[in-house]
Amino acid sequence: MIRHILLIELNPEASHEQVDAVRLAFEQIPGMIEGVTDVEWGVNDSPEGRNQAFTHCVLMTFEDEAARQAYLPHPKHDALKVIFRPIIKNLIVFDYSL
């Protein structure tokens, strides 16, 4: 399995409707792209104050490397980027294998 983590800093202009649309789009990915087994969306609530302006997180789980490679150029991933990129100020992508 591969975990794919996105730490997201939103643009200040991002509306609640835009953020909700992106969340819903991410949450639908496992039913649309084979090999994506799970997606979690979270909002930072750490009391430590060390999030460095990153307020949201996406955690995706891929069955294997082939699933990750199929996801990256997938048309559903491209469609997600169309609504996601306009609301991002900064993004960290971090993957690791289990």
C-alpha atoms as a PDB file:
ATOM      1  CA  MET A   1       0.000   0.000   0.000  1.00  0.00           C
ATOM      2  CA  ILE A   2       0.994   3.583  -0.589  1.00  0.00           C
ATOM      3  CA  ARG A   3      -0.184   6.558   1.431  1.00  0.00           C
ATOM      4  CA  HIS A   4      -0.438   9.880  -0.403  1.00  0.00           C
ATOM      5  CA  ILE A   5      -0.674  12.902   1.903  1.00  0.00           C
ATOM      6  CA  LEU A   6      -1.549  16.435   0.849  1.00  0.00           C
ATOM      7  CA  LEU A   7      -1.094  19.280   3.324  1.00  0.00           C
ATOM      8  CA  ILE A   8      -3.058  22.249   2.049  1.00  0.00           C
ATOM      9  CA  GLU A   9      -2.846  25.964   2.662  1.00  0.00           C
ATOM     10  CA  LEU A  10      -5.908  27.578   1.107  1.00  0.00           C
ATOM     11  CA  ASN A  11      -6.049  30.894  -0.680  1.00  0.00           C
ATOM     12  CA  PRO A  12      -7.735  33.469   1.573  1.00  0.00           C
ATOM     13  CA  GLU A  13     -10.313  34.020  -1.195  1.00  0.00           C
ATOM     14  CA  ALA A  14     -11.413  30.365  -1.208  1.00  0.00           C
ATOM     15  CA  SER A  15     -15.114  30.159  -0.402  1.00  0.00           C
ATOM     16  CA  HIS A  16     -16.709  27.510   1.803  1.00  0.00           C
ATOM     17  CA  GLU A  17     -18.573  26.288  -1.291  1.00  0.00           C
ATOM     18  CA  GLN A  18     -15.315  25.807  -3.216  1.00  0.00           C
ATOM     19  CA  VAL A  19     -13.700  23.956  -0.321  1.00  0.00           C
ATOM     20  CA  ASP A  20     -16.756  21.718   0.087  1.00  0.00           C
ATOM     21  CA  ALA A  21     -16.756  20.951  -3.643  1.00  0.00           C
ATOM     22  CA  VAL A  22     -13.097  19.905  -3.478  1.00  0.00           C
ATOM     23  CA  ARG A  23     -13.705  17.770  -0.379  1.00  0.00           C
ATOM     24  CA  LEU A  24     -16.612  15.995  -2.067  1.00  0.00           C
ATOM     25  CA  ALA A  25     -14.592  15.450  -5.237  1.00  0.00           C
ATOM     26  CA  PHE A  26     -11.747  13.861  -3.257  1.00  0.00           C
ATOM     27  CA  GLU A  27     -14.139  11.671  -1.278  1.00  0.00           C
ATOM     28  CA  GLN A  28     -15.654  10.301  -4.514  1.00  0.00           C
ATOM     29  CA  ILE A  29     -12.303   9.229  -5.990  1.00  0.00           C
ATOM     30  CA  PRO A  30     -12.244   5.683  -4.512  1.00  0.00           C
ATOM     31  CA  GLY A  31     -15.478   4.855  -6.332  1.00  0.00           C
ATOM     32  CA  MET A  32     -14.142   6.248  -9.609  1.00  0.00           C
ATOM     33  CA  ILE A  33     -10.516   5.145  -9.838  1.00  0.00           C
ATOM     34  CA  GLU A  34      -9.575   1.516  -9.375  1.00  0.00           C
ATOM     35  CA  GLY A  35      -6.815   0.976  -6.856  1.00  0.00           C
ATOM     36  CA  VAL A  36      -7.621   4.024  -4.717  1.00  0.00           C
ATOM     37  CA  THR A  37      -8.945   2.301  -1.630  1.00  0.00           C
ATOM     38  CA  ASP A  38      -9.593   5.219   0.709  1.00  0.00           C
ATOM     39  CA  VAL A  39      -9.611   9.007   0.960  1.00  0.00           C
ATOM     40  CA  GLU A  40      -9.793  10.992   4.174  1.00  0.00           C
ATOM     41  CA  TRP A  41     -10.270  14.764   4.373  1.00  0.00           C
ATOM     42  CA  GLY A  42      -9.390  16.614   7.544  1.00  0.00           C
ATOM     43  CA  VAL A  43      -9.193  20.106   8.973  1.00  0.00           C
ATOM     44  CA  ASN A  44      -6.351  20.930  11.351  1.00  0.00           C
ATOM     45  CA  ASP A  45      -7.383  21.046  14.983  1.00  0.00           C
ATOM     46  CA  SER A  46      -3.998  20.603  16.632  1.00  0.00           C
ATOM     47  CA  PRO A  47      -3.528  22.729  19.763  1.00  0.00           C
ATOM     48  CA  GLU A  48       0.240  22.889  19.133  1.00  0.00           C
ATOM     49  CA  GLY A  49       0.069  25.693  16.555  1.00  0.00           C
ATOM     50  CA  ARG A  50       2.781  24.166  14.378  1.00  0.00           C
ATOM     51  CA  ASN A  51       0.781  23.729  11.171  1.00  0.00           C
ATOM     52  CA  GLN A  52       2.537  26.674   9.459  1.00  0.00           C
ATOM     53  CA  ALA A  53      -0.692  27.910   7.815  1.00  0.00           C
ATOM     54  CA  PHE A  54      -1.597  24.466   6.441  1.00  0.00           C
ATOM     55  CA  THR A  55      -5.231  24.074   7.418  1.00  0.00           C
ATOM     56  CA  HIS A  56      -6.481  21.019   5.519  1.00  0.00           C
ATOM     57  CA  CYS A  57      -5.215  17.535   4.760  1.00  0.00           C
ATOM     58  CA  VAL A  58      -6.050  14.749   2.349  1.00  0.00           C
ATOM     59  CA  LEU A  59      -4.875  11.212   3.006  1.00  0.00           C
ATOM     60  CA  MET A  60      -5.275   8.805   0.096  1.00  0.00           C
ATOM     61  CA  THR A  61      -4.470   5.107   0.113  1.00  0.00           C
ATOM     62  CA  PHE A  62      -3.406   3.286  -3.050  1.00  0.00           C
ATOM     63  CA  GLU A  63      -3.345  -0.509  -3.304  1.00  0.00           C
ATOM     64  CA  ASP A  64       0.122  -0.452  -4.844  1.00  0.00           C
ATOM     65  CA  GLU A  65       2.499   1.442  -7.100  1.00  0.00           C
ATOM     66  CA  ALA A  66       0.496   0.527 -10.199  1.00  0.00           C
ATOM     67  CA  ALA A  67      -2.588   2.165  -8.662  1.00  0.00           C
ATOM     68  CA  ARG A  68      -0.657   5.355  -7.885  1.00  0.00           C
ATOM     69  CA  GLN A  69       0.728   5.467 -11.419  1.00  0.00           C
ATOM     70  CA  ALA A  70      -2.781   4.961 -12.855  1.00  0.00           C
ATOM     71  CA  TYR A  71      -4.195   7.750 -10.655  1.00  0.00           C
ATOM     72  CA  LEU A  72      -1.697  10.469 -11.580  1.00  0.00           C
ATOM     73  CA  PRO A  73      -2.694  10.836 -15.280  1.00  0.00           C
ATOM     74  CA  HIS A  74      -6.314   9.711 -14.776  1.00  0.00           C
ATOM     75  CA  PRO A  75      -9.019  12.024 -16.256  1.00  0.00           C
ATOM     76  CA  LYS A  76     -10.875  12.081 -12.900  1.00  0.00           C
ATOM     77  CA  HIS A  77      -7.676  13.301 -11.208  1.00  0.00           C
ATOM     78  CA  ASP A  78      -7.306  15.960 -13.908  1.00  0.00           C
ATOM     79  CA  ALA A  79     -10.915  17.066 -13.322  1.00  0.00           C
ATOM     80  CA  LEU A  80     -10.229  17.315  -9.594  1.00  0.00           C
ATOM     81  CA  LYS A  81      -7.209  19.549 -10.247  1.00  0.00           C
ATOM     82  CA  VAL A  82      -9.400  21.974 -12.196  1.00  0.00           C
ATOM     83  CA  ILE A  83     -11.435  22.812  -9.074  1.00  0.00           C
ATOM     84  CA  PHE A  84      -8.619  22.271  -6.560  1.00  0.00           C
ATOM     85  CA  ARG A  85      -5.763  24.384  -7.939  1.00  0.00           C
ATOM     86  CA  PRO A  86      -7.635  27.727  -7.834  1.00  0.00           C
ATOM     87  CA  ILE A  87      -8.142  27.482  -4.070  1.00  0.00           C
ATOM     88  CA  ILE A  88      -4.571  26.408  -3.147  1.00  0.00           C
ATOM     89  CA  LYS A  89      -2.031  28.888  -1.835  1.00  0.00           C
ATOM     90  CA  ASN A  90       0.530  26.244  -0.908  1.00  0.00           C
ATOM     91  CA  LEU A  91       0.668  22.456  -1.011  1.00  0.00           C
ATOM     92  CA  ILE A  92       2.925  19.723   0.325  1.00  0.00           C
ATOM     93  CA  VAL A  93       2.691  16.254  -1.212  1.00  0.00           C
ATOM     94  CA  PHE A  94       4.247  13.372   0.723  1.00  0.00           C
ATOM     95  CA  ASP A  95       4.001   9.698  -0.214  1.00  0.00           C
ATOM     96  CA  TYR A  96       5.204   6.647   1.635  1.00  0.00           C
ATOM     97  CA  SER A  97       4.886   2.887   1.230  1.00  0.00           C
ATOM     98  CA  LEU A  98       3.628   0.509   3.883  1.00  0.00           C
END
